């Protein structure tokens, strides 16, 4: 059994259900995993393009599915120009 793969699977399954998650929420909802395991896994997944890691509100990191991030970027650019969807 590949333990790193199990951690990756747990993180990706959580994101499939929630789409966007602050790191703190991920820690609370996956208590069987250590903070180090999650940071290393999220870092690797981010480098592979499987998740996006964003700094939000000057105080927290959020993990986002790539497709959701594109939608948020469109909405935010529309809000900046006054465009409504």
PDB file of N, CA and C in Angstrom:
ATOM      1  N   UNK A   1       0.837  -1.171   0.000  1.00  0.00           N
ATOM      2  CA  UNK A   1       0.000   0.000   0.000  1.00  0.00           C
ATOM      3  C   UNK A   1       0.892   1.249   0.000  1.00  0.00           C
ATOM      4  N   UNK A   2       0.587   2.207  -0.868  1.00  0.00           N
ATOM      5  CA  UNK A   2       1.349   3.445  -0.976  1.00  0.00           C
ATOM      6  C   UNK A   2       0.687   4.519  -0.125  1.00  0.00           C
ATOM      7  N   UNK A   3       1.297   4.838   1.010  1.00  0.00           N
ATOM      8  CA  UNK A   3       0.699   5.778   1.952  1.00  0.00           C
ATOM      9  C   UNK A   3       0.550   7.170   1.351  1.00  0.00           C
ATOM     10  N   UNK A   4       1.555   7.611   0.567  1.00  0.00           N
ATOM     11  CA  UNK A   4       1.471   8.924  -0.073  1.00  0.00           C
ATOM     12  C   UNK A   4       0.289   9.002  -1.027  1.00  0.00           C
ATOM     13  N   UNK A   5       0.020   7.924  -1.714  1.00  0.00           N
ATOM     14  CA  UNK A   5      -1.122   7.876  -2.627  1.00  0.00           C
ATOM     15  C   UNK A   5      -2.424   7.957  -1.844  1.00  0.00           C
ATOM     16  N   UNK A   6      -2.476   7.344  -0.672  1.00  0.00           N
ATOM     17  CA  UNK A   6      -3.672   7.407   0.180  1.00  0.00           C
ATOM     18  C   UNK A   6      -3.934   8.842   0.643  1.00  0.00           C
ATOM     19  N   UNK A   7      -2.880   9.561   0.988  1.00  0.00           N
ATOM     20  CA  UNK A   7      -3.027  10.954   1.414  1.00  0.00           C
ATOM     21  C   UNK A   7      -3.519  11.789   0.237  1.00  0.00           C
ATOM     22  N   UNK A   8      -2.928  11.591  -0.929  1.00  0.00           N
ATOM     23  CA  UNK A   8      -3.351  12.303  -2.139  1.00  0.00           C
ATOM     24  C   UNK A   8      -4.816  12.034  -2.449  1.00  0.00           C
ATOM     25  N   UNK A   9      -5.205  10.776  -2.369  1.00  0.00           N
ATOM     26  CA  UNK A   9      -6.598  10.404  -2.636  1.00  0.00           C
ATOM     27  C   UNK A   9      -7.541  11.082  -1.650  1.00  0.00           C
ATOM     28  N   UNK A  10      -7.186  11.120  -0.382  1.00  0.00           N
ATOM     29  CA  UNK A  10      -8.037  11.750   0.637  1.00  0.00           C
ATOM     30  C   UNK A  10      -8.203  13.237   0.356  1.00  0.00           C
ATOM     31  N   UNK A  11      -7.123  13.918   0.012  1.00  0.00           N
ATOM     32  CA  UNK A  11      -7.187  15.357  -0.272  1.00  0.00           C
ATOM     33  C   UNK A  11      -8.028  15.615  -1.519  1.00  0.00           C
ATOM     34  N   UNK A  12      -7.793  14.849  -2.585  1.00  0.00           N
ATOM     35  CA  UNK A  12      -8.542  15.057  -3.829  1.00  0.00           C
ATOM     36  C   UNK A  12     -10.031  14.727  -3.664  1.00  0.00           C
ATOM     37  N   UNK A  13     -10.345  13.689  -2.913  1.00  0.00           N
ATOM     38  CA  UNK A  13     -11.748  13.360  -2.673  1.00  0.00           C
ATOM     39  C   UNK A  13     -12.436  14.469  -1.888  1.00  0.00           C
ATOM     40  N   UNK A  14     -11.751  15.017  -0.916  1.00  0.00           N
ATOM     41  CA  UNK A  14     -12.327  16.116  -0.140  1.00  0.00           C
ATOM     42  C   UNK A  14     -12.601  17.312  -1.056  1.00  0.00           C
ATOM     43  N   UNK A  15     -11.653  17.608  -1.935  1.00  0.00           N
ATOM     44  CA  UNK A  15     -11.834  18.739  -2.844  1.00  0.00           C
ATOM     45  C   UNK A  15     -12.931  18.497  -3.867  1.00  0.00           C
ATOM     46  N   UNK A  16     -13.125  17.264  -4.279  1.00  0.00           N
ATOM     47  CA  UNK A  16     -14.214  16.965  -5.207  1.00  0.00           C
ATOM     48  C   UNK A  16     -15.560  17.298  -4.589  1.00  0.00           C
ATOM     49  N   UNK A  17     -15.679  17.132  -3.289  1.00  0.00           N
ATOM     50  CA  UNK A  17     -16.931  17.417  -2.597  1.00  0.00           C
ATOM     51  C   UNK A  17     -17.093  18.895  -2.282  1.00  0.00           C
ATOM     52  N   UNK A  18     -15.971  19.619  -2.054  1.00  0.00           N
ATOM     53  CA  UNK A  18     -16.062  20.997  -1.575  1.00  0.00           C
ATOM     54  C   UNK A  18     -15.565  22.047  -2.563  1.00  0.00           C
ATOM     55  N   UNK A  19     -14.858  21.687  -3.593  1.00  0.00           N
ATOM     56  CA  UNK A  19     -14.337  22.551  -4.656  1.00  0.00           C
ATOM     57  C   UNK A  19     -13.321  23.569  -4.186  1.00  0.00           C
ATOM     58  N   UNK A  20     -13.640  24.279  -3.081  1.00  0.00           N
ATOM     59  CA  UNK A  20     -12.728  25.269  -2.515  1.00  0.00           C
ATOM     60  C   UNK A  20     -12.640  24.990  -1.021  1.00  0.00           C
ATOM     61  N   UNK A  21     -11.430  24.991  -0.492  1.00  0.00           N
ATOM     62  CA  UNK A  21     -11.283  24.709   0.931  1.00  0.00           C
ATOM     63  C   UNK A  21     -10.112  25.469   1.519  1.00  0.00           C
ATOM     64  N   UNK A  22     -10.355  26.226   2.585  1.00  0.00           N
ATOM     65  CA  UNK A  22      -9.215  26.788   3.315  1.00  0.00           C
ATOM     66  C   UNK A  22      -8.378  25.643   3.890  1.00  0.00           C
ATOM     67  N   UNK A  23      -7.081  25.854   3.997  1.00  0.00           N
ATOM     68  CA  UNK A  23      -6.202  24.811   4.523  1.00  0.00           C
ATOM     69  C   UNK A  23      -6.635  24.380   5.917  1.00  0.00           C
ATOM     70  N   UNK A  24      -7.038  25.328   6.763  1.00  0.00           N
ATOM     71  CA  UNK A  24      -7.448  24.989   8.130  1.00  0.00           C
ATOM     72  C   UNK A  24      -8.642  24.034   8.126  1.00  0.00           C
ATOM     73  N   UNK A  25      -9.545  24.249   7.202  1.00  0.00           N
ATOM     74  CA  UNK A  25     -10.717  23.377   7.101  1.00  0.00           C
ATOM     75  C   UNK A  25     -10.302  21.976   6.670  1.00  0.00           C
ATOM     76  N   UNK A  26      -9.364  21.905   5.768  1.00  0.00           N
ATOM     77  CA  UNK A  26      -8.845  20.608   5.331  1.00  0.00           C
ATOM     78  C   UNK A  26      -8.234  19.864   6.513  1.00  0.00           C
ATOM     79  N   UNK A  27      -7.464  20.576   7.341  1.00  0.00           N
ATOM     80  CA  UNK A  27      -6.853  19.959   8.518  1.00  0.00           C
ATOM     81  C   UNK A  27      -7.914  19.416   9.467  1.00  0.00           C
ATOM     82  N   UNK A  28      -8.963  20.197   9.695  1.00  0.00           N
ATOM     83  CA  UNK A  28     -10.025  19.774  10.622  1.00  0.00           C
ATOM     84  C   UNK A  28     -10.814  18.579  10.098  1.00  0.00           C
ATOM     85  N   UNK A  29     -11.013  18.517   8.796  1.00  0.00           N
ATOM     86  CA  UNK A  29     -11.867  17.475   8.226  1.00  0.00           C
ATOM     87  C   UNK A  29     -11.134  16.202   7.826  1.00  0.00           C
ATOM     88  N   UNK A  30      -9.828  16.230   7.871  1.00  0.00           N
ATOM     89  CA  UNK A  30      -9.033  15.024   7.606  1.00  0.00           C
ATOM     90  C   UNK A  30      -8.094  14.791   8.799  1.00  0.00           C
ATOM     91  N   UNK A  31      -8.646  14.513   9.969  1.00  0.00           N
ATOM     92  CA  UNK A  31      -7.829  14.440  11.190  1.00  0.00           C
ATOM     93  C   UNK A  31      -6.843  13.275  11.224  1.00  0.00           C
ATOM     94  N   UNK A  32      -7.026  12.286  10.378  1.00  0.00           N
ATOM     95  CA  UNK A  32      -6.101  11.155  10.374  1.00  0.00           C
ATOM     96  C   UNK A  32      -4.765  11.519   9.727  1.00  0.00           C
ATOM     97  N   UNK A  33      -4.724  12.658   9.035  1.00  0.00           N
ATOM     98  CA  UNK A  33      -3.505  13.081   8.349  1.00  0.00           C
ATOM     99  C   UNK A  33      -2.802  14.157   9.162  1.00  0.00           C
ATOM    100  N   UNK A  34      -1.484  14.146   9.121  1.00  0.00           N
ATOM    101  CA  UNK A  34      -0.730  15.185   9.820  1.00  0.00           C
ATOM    102  C   UNK A  34      -0.660  16.446   8.957  1.00  0.00           C
ATOM    103  N   UNK A  35      -0.355  17.547   9.598  1.00  0.00           N
ATOM    104  CA  UNK A  35      -0.202  18.811   8.878  1.00  0.00           C
ATOM    105  C   UNK A  35       0.907  18.678   7.830  1.00  0.00           C
ATOM    106  N   UNK A  36       1.998  18.041   8.197  1.00  0.00           N
ATOM    107  CA  UNK A  36       3.107  17.855   7.251  1.00  0.00           C
ATOM    108  C   UNK A  36       2.687  17.035   6.044  1.00  0.00           C
ATOM    109  N   UNK A  37       1.944  15.963   6.268  1.00  0.00           N
ATOM    110  CA  UNK A  37       1.478  15.144   5.145  1.00  0.00           C
ATOM    111  C   UNK A  37       0.621  15.971   4.188  1.00  0.00           C
ATOM    112  N   UNK A  38      -0.271  16.781   4.760  1.00  0.00           N
ATOM    113  CA  UNK A  38      -1.151  17.578   3.909  1.00  0.00           C
ATOM    114  C   UNK A  38      -0.384  18.659   3.158  1.00  0.00           C
ATOM    115  N   UNK A  39       0.536  19.364   3.850  1.00  0.00           N
ATOM    116  CA  UNK A  39       1.307  20.398   3.177  1.00  0.00           C
ATOM    117  C   UNK A  39       2.128  19.805   2.034  1.00  0.00           C
ATOM    118  N   UNK A  40       2.803  18.704   2.292  1.00  0.00           N
ATOM    119  CA  UNK A  40       3.604  18.078   1.241  1.00  0.00           C
ATOM    120  C   UNK A  40       2.745  17.610   0.078  1.00  0.00           C
ATOM    121  N   UNK A  41       1.592  17.043   0.389  1.00  0.00           N
ATOM    122  CA  UNK A  41       0.693  16.547  -0.657  1.00  0.00           C
ATOM    123  C   UNK A  41       0.121  17.695  -1.471  1.00  0.00           C
ATOM    124  N   UNK A  42      -0.359  18.736  -0.791  1.00  0.00           N
ATOM    125  CA  UNK A  42      -0.929  19.889  -1.500  1.00  0.00           C
ATOM    126  C   UNK A  42       0.150  20.568  -2.346  1.00  0.00           C
ATOM    127  N   UNK A  43       1.357  20.678  -1.831  1.00  0.00           N
ATOM    128  CA  UNK A  43       2.457  21.257  -2.599  1.00  0.00           C
ATOM    129  C   UNK A  43       2.704  20.448  -3.875  1.00  0.00           C
ATOM    130  N   UNK A  44       2.787  19.133  -3.728  1.00  0.00           N
ATOM    131  CA  UNK A  44       3.029  18.275  -4.896  1.00  0.00           C
ATOM    132  C   UNK A  44       1.883  18.366  -5.900  1.00  0.00           C
ATOM    133  N   UNK A  45       0.633  18.298  -5.404  1.00  0.00           N
ATOM    134  CA  UNK A  45      -0.530  18.379  -6.291  1.00  0.00           C
ATOM    135  C   UNK A  45      -0.582  19.723  -7.012  1.00  0.00           C
ATOM    136  N   UNK A  46      -0.178  20.774  -6.315  1.00  0.00           N
ATOM    137  CA  UNK A  46      -0.149  22.100  -6.927  1.00  0.00           C
ATOM    138  C   UNK A  46       0.894  22.158  -8.045  1.00  0.00           C
ATOM    139  N   UNK A  47       2.059  21.595  -7.784  1.00  0.00           N
ATOM    140  CA  UNK A  47       3.113  21.575  -8.806  1.00  0.00           C
ATOM    141  C   UNK A  47       2.712  20.741 -10.017  1.00  0.00           C
ATOM    142  N   UNK A  48       1.887  19.720  -9.797  1.00  0.00           N
ATOM    143  CA  UNK A  48       1.407  18.865 -10.886  1.00  0.00           C
ATOM    144  C   UNK A  48       0.187  19.459 -11.594  1.00  0.00           C
ATOM    145  N   UNK A  49      -0.352  20.552 -11.072  1.00  0.00           N
ATOM    146  CA  UNK A  49      -1.513  21.199 -11.685  1.00  0.00           C
ATOM    147  C   UNK A  49      -2.847  20.552 -11.347  1.00  0.00           C
ATOM    148  N   UNK A  50      -2.848  19.667 -10.362  1.00  0.00           N
ATOM    149  CA  UNK A  50      -4.085  18.980  -9.984  1.00  0.00           C
ATOM    150  C   UNK A  50      -4.945  19.812  -9.035  1.00  0.00           C
ATOM    151  N   UNK A  51      -4.326  20.731  -8.322  1.00  0.00           N
ATOM    152  CA  UNK A  51      -5.044  21.682  -7.459  1.00  0.00           C
ATOM    153  C   UNK A  51      -4.324  23.028  -7.590  1.00  0.00           C
ATOM    154  N   UNK A  52      -5.024  24.070  -7.200  1.00  0.00           N
ATOM    155  CA  UNK A  52      -4.412  25.390  -7.152  1.00  0.00           C
ATOM    156  C   UNK A  52      -4.406  25.855  -5.709  1.00  0.00           C
ATOM    157  N   UNK A  53      -3.337  26.473  -5.321  1.00  0.00           N
ATOM    158  CA  UNK A  53      -3.207  26.999  -3.972  1.00  0.00           C
ATOM    159  C   UNK A  53      -3.213  28.516  -4.093  1.00  0.00           C
ATOM    160  N   UNK A  54      -4.140  29.150  -3.406  1.00  0.00           N
ATOM    161  CA  UNK A  54      -4.291  30.602  -3.490  1.00  0.00           C
ATOM    162  C   UNK A  54      -4.210  31.222  -2.097  1.00  0.00           C
ATOM    163  N   UNK A  55      -3.609  32.383  -2.048  1.00  0.00           N
ATOM    164  CA  UNK A  55      -3.528  33.147  -0.811  1.00  0.00           C
ATOM    165  C   UNK A  55      -4.723  34.096  -0.811  1.00  0.00           C
ATOM    166  N   UNK A  56      -5.531  34.030   0.227  1.00  0.00           N
ATOM    167  CA  UNK A  56      -6.779  34.783   0.254  1.00  0.00           C
ATOM    168  C   UNK A  56      -6.891  35.593   1.534  1.00  0.00           C
ATOM    169  N   UNK A  57      -7.465  36.763   1.436  1.00  0.00           N
ATOM    170  CA  UNK A  57      -7.757  37.609   2.597  1.00  0.00           C
ATOM    171  C   UNK A  57      -6.526  37.951   3.430  1.00  0.00           C
ATOM    172  N   UNK A  58      -5.363  37.947   2.846  1.00  0.00           N
ATOM    173  CA  UNK A  58      -4.127  38.307   3.543  1.00  0.00           C
ATOM    174  C   UNK A  58      -3.863  37.472   4.795  1.00  0.00           C
ATOM    175  N   UNK A  59      -4.535  36.329   4.912  1.00  0.00           N
ATOM    176  CA  UNK A  59      -4.298  35.558   6.134  1.00  0.00           C
ATOM    177  C   UNK A  59      -4.435  34.056   5.967  1.00  0.00           C
ATOM    178  N   UNK A  60      -4.992  33.588   4.845  1.00  0.00           N
ATOM    179  CA  UNK A  60      -5.190  32.147   4.743  1.00  0.00           C
ATOM    180  C   UNK A  60      -4.972  31.653   3.320  1.00  0.00           C
ATOM    181  N   UNK A  61      -4.591  30.394   3.245  1.00  0.00           N
ATOM    182  CA  UNK A  61      -4.460  29.730   1.959  1.00  0.00           C
ATOM    183  C   UNK A  61      -5.705  28.899   1.707  1.00  0.00           C
ATOM    184  N   UNK A  62      -6.141  28.887   0.467  1.00  0.00           N
ATOM    185  CA  UNK A  62      -7.253  28.032   0.074  1.00  0.00           C
ATOM    186  C   UNK A  62      -6.781  27.131  -1.052  1.00  0.00           C
ATOM    187  N   UNK A  63      -7.341  25.945  -1.092  1.00  0.00           N
ATOM    188  CA  UNK A  63      -7.056  24.984  -2.151  1.00  0.00           C
ATOM    189  C   UNK A  63      -8.270  24.976  -3.062  1.00  0.00           C
ATOM    190  N   UNK A  64      -8.033  25.029  -4.356  1.00  0.00           N
ATOM    191  CA  UNK A  64      -9.118  25.152  -5.324  1.00  0.00           C
ATOM    192  C   UNK A  64      -8.904  24.144  -6.443  1.00  0.00           C
ATOM    193  N   UNK A  65      -9.996  23.564  -6.923  1.00  0.00           N
ATOM    194  CA  UNK A  65      -9.905  22.733  -8.118  1.00  0.00           C
ATOM    195  C   UNK A  65      -9.597  23.653  -9.297  1.00  0.00           C
ATOM    196  N   UNK A  66      -8.757  23.235 -10.259  1.00  0.00           N
ATOM    197  CA  UNK A  66      -8.391  24.113 -11.377  1.00  0.00           C
ATOM    198  C   UNK A  66      -9.582  24.681 -12.150  1.00  0.00           C
ATOM    199  N   UNK A  67     -10.593  23.898 -12.446  1.00  0.00           N
ATOM    200  CA  UNK A  67     -11.756  24.395 -13.188  1.00  0.00           C
ATOM    201  C   UNK A  67     -12.522  25.447 -12.421  1.00  0.00           C
ATOM    202  N   UNK A  68     -12.620  25.293 -11.131  1.00  0.00           N
ATOM    203  CA  UNK A  68     -13.311  26.258 -10.280  1.00  0.00           C
ATOM    204  C   UNK A  68     -12.531  27.565 -10.255  1.00  0.00           C
ATOM    205  N   UNK A  69     -11.222  27.489 -10.240  1.00  0.00           N
ATOM    206  CA  UNK A  69     -10.394  28.691 -10.219  1.00  0.00           C
ATOM    207  C   UNK A  69     -10.600  29.512 -11.486  1.00  0.00           C
ATOM    208  N   UNK A  70     -10.746  28.859 -12.629  1.00  0.00           N
ATOM    209  CA  UNK A  70     -10.998  29.591 -13.880  1.00  0.00           C
ATOM    210  C   UNK A  70     -12.329  30.324 -13.810  1.00  0.00           C
ATOM    211  N   UNK A  71     -13.354  29.674 -13.266  1.00  0.00           N
ATOM    212  CA  UNK A  71     -14.664  30.310 -13.117  1.00  0.00           C
ATOM    213  C   UNK A  71     -14.578  31.513 -12.188  1.00  0.00           C
ATOM    214  N   UNK A  72     -13.883  31.364 -11.065  1.00  0.00           N
ATOM    215  CA  UNK A  72     -13.738  32.472 -10.124  1.00  0.00           C
ATOM    216  C   UNK A  72     -13.002  33.638 -10.771  1.00  0.00           C
ATOM    217  N   UNK A  73     -11.984  33.349 -11.571  1.00  0.00           N
ATOM    218  CA  UNK A  73     -11.235  34.405 -12.246  1.00  0.00           C
ATOM    219  C   UNK A  73     -12.137  35.164 -13.209  1.00  0.00           C
ATOM    220  N   UNK A  74     -12.990  34.443 -13.942  1.00  0.00           N
ATOM    221  CA  UNK A  74     -13.925  35.098 -14.857  1.00  0.00           C
ATOM    222  C   UNK A  74     -14.889  35.990 -14.092  1.00  0.00           C
ATOM    223  N   UNK A  75     -15.432  35.468 -12.995  1.00  0.00           N
ATOM    224  CA  UNK A  75     -16.382  36.248 -12.201  1.00  0.00           C
ATOM    225  C   UNK A  75     -15.715  37.482 -11.624  1.00  0.00           C
ATOM    226  N   UNK A  76     -14.496  37.333 -11.139  1.00  0.00           N
ATOM    227  CA  UNK A  76     -13.806  38.467 -10.540  1.00  0.00           C
ATOM    228  C   UNK A  76     -13.458  39.511 -11.595  1.00  0.00           C
ATOM    229  N   UNK A  77     -13.058  39.078 -12.778  1.00  0.00           N
ATOM    230  CA  UNK A  77     -12.732  40.050 -13.824  1.00  0.00           C
ATOM    231  C   UNK A  77     -13.999  40.748 -14.296  1.00  0.00           C
ATOM    232  N   UNK A  78     -15.119  40.040 -14.302  1.00  0.00           N
ATOM    233  CA  UNK A  78     -16.380  40.661 -14.654  1.00  0.00           C
ATOM    234  C   UNK A  78     -16.817  41.662 -13.611  1.00  0.00           C
ATOM    235  N   UNK A  79     -16.585  41.365 -12.353  1.00  0.00           N
ATOM    236  CA  UNK A  79     -16.947  42.277 -11.261  1.00  0.00           C
ATOM    237  C   UNK A  79     -16.105  43.546 -11.344  1.00  0.00           C
ATOM    238  N   UNK A  80     -14.858  43.399 -11.739  1.00  0.00           N
ATOM    239  CA  UNK A  80     -13.976  44.553 -11.811  1.00  0.00           C
ATOM    240  C   UNK A  80     -14.399  45.494 -12.941  1.00  0.00           C
ATOM    241  N   UNK A  81     -14.993  44.952 -13.988  1.00  0.00           N
ATOM    242  CA  UNK A  81     -15.394  45.785 -15.128  1.00  0.00           C
ATOM    243  C   UNK A  81     -16.873  46.130 -15.061  1.00  0.00           C
ATOM    244  N   UNK A  82     -17.568  45.638 -14.058  1.00  0.00           N
ATOM    245  CA  UNK A  82     -18.989  45.941 -13.938  1.00  0.00           C
ATOM    246  C   UNK A  82     -19.881  44.984 -14.700  1.00  0.00           C
ATOM    247  N   UNK A  83     -19.300  43.954 -15.306  1.00  0.00           N
ATOM    248  CA  UNK A  83     -20.072  42.982 -16.064  1.00  0.00           C
ATOM    249  C   UNK A  83     -20.758  42.024 -15.112  1.00  0.00           C
ATOM    250  N   UNK A  84     -22.006  41.716 -15.369  1.00  0.00           N
ATOM    251  CA  UNK A  84     -22.731  40.760 -14.540  1.00  0.00           C
ATOM    252  C   UNK A  84     -23.030  39.522 -15.350  1.00  0.00           C
ATOM    253  N   UNK A  85     -23.009  38.378 -14.689  1.00  0.00           N
ATOM    254  CA  UNK A  85     -23.331  37.104 -15.354  1.00  0.00           C
ATOM    255  C   UNK A  85     -24.628  36.574 -14.848  1.00  0.00           C
TER     256      UNK A  85
END
